Amino acid sequence: MTAHRPFIIAAVSGLLAVAGVAAIADSAEAQSRSRQRSSSVSGANHSAASSSSIYRSPVSTSVSRSGTVDGQAWSSGRSRTTVDTGDGYATTAVHTGPAGNTQTRTSTVSSGEDGYSHDSSVQTSNGYGYNRQVDASRDENGSTVNRSAVTNSGASRSSTVTRPY
């Protein structure tokens, strides 16, 4: 019996590991949820109806809404996704308004032992927007933070702050 003990222990450990992976997958799926709602009202001269759908998971969220008011249709929606990049995360968020205008926001953050970097952008379907970048680093002499921003129209701004220890 003692000769087979390492084999039995390895087999049981393997089964527990597979069960743990399955439990993690089930728990991530259990964290995802969705729901829908709808409503309507009507009167002698006016009527309206609306519906919404919401989905949430550990890495993304989306909401869509639509409806009619006195026969005029409208819709809007937004979504957001965050992804682990290994040394930080990246997020993309999109919002569409009832008039059809869209705004897209992106953000990427990464960090290491000697500093971090944060790049972000906001863009609209009308052509407005900007890009912004922040880089911070440190070494034995102190820390340095570089900031810069550029708009779609070409305006820019930048600064550097150095702090000795």
Foldseek 3Di string as FASTA:
>chain_A
DVVCVVVVVVVVVVVVVVVVVVVVVVVQVVQKDKDKDKDKDDDPQKIKIKMKIWIDGPFKIKIKMWMDIRRRIWIWMKMKGWDDPPQWIKMWIWIAGRVGKIKIKIWTWGADPFWIKIWIKIAIPVGWIKIKIWTKGADQFFIKIKIKMAISVGDIDIDMDTDGD
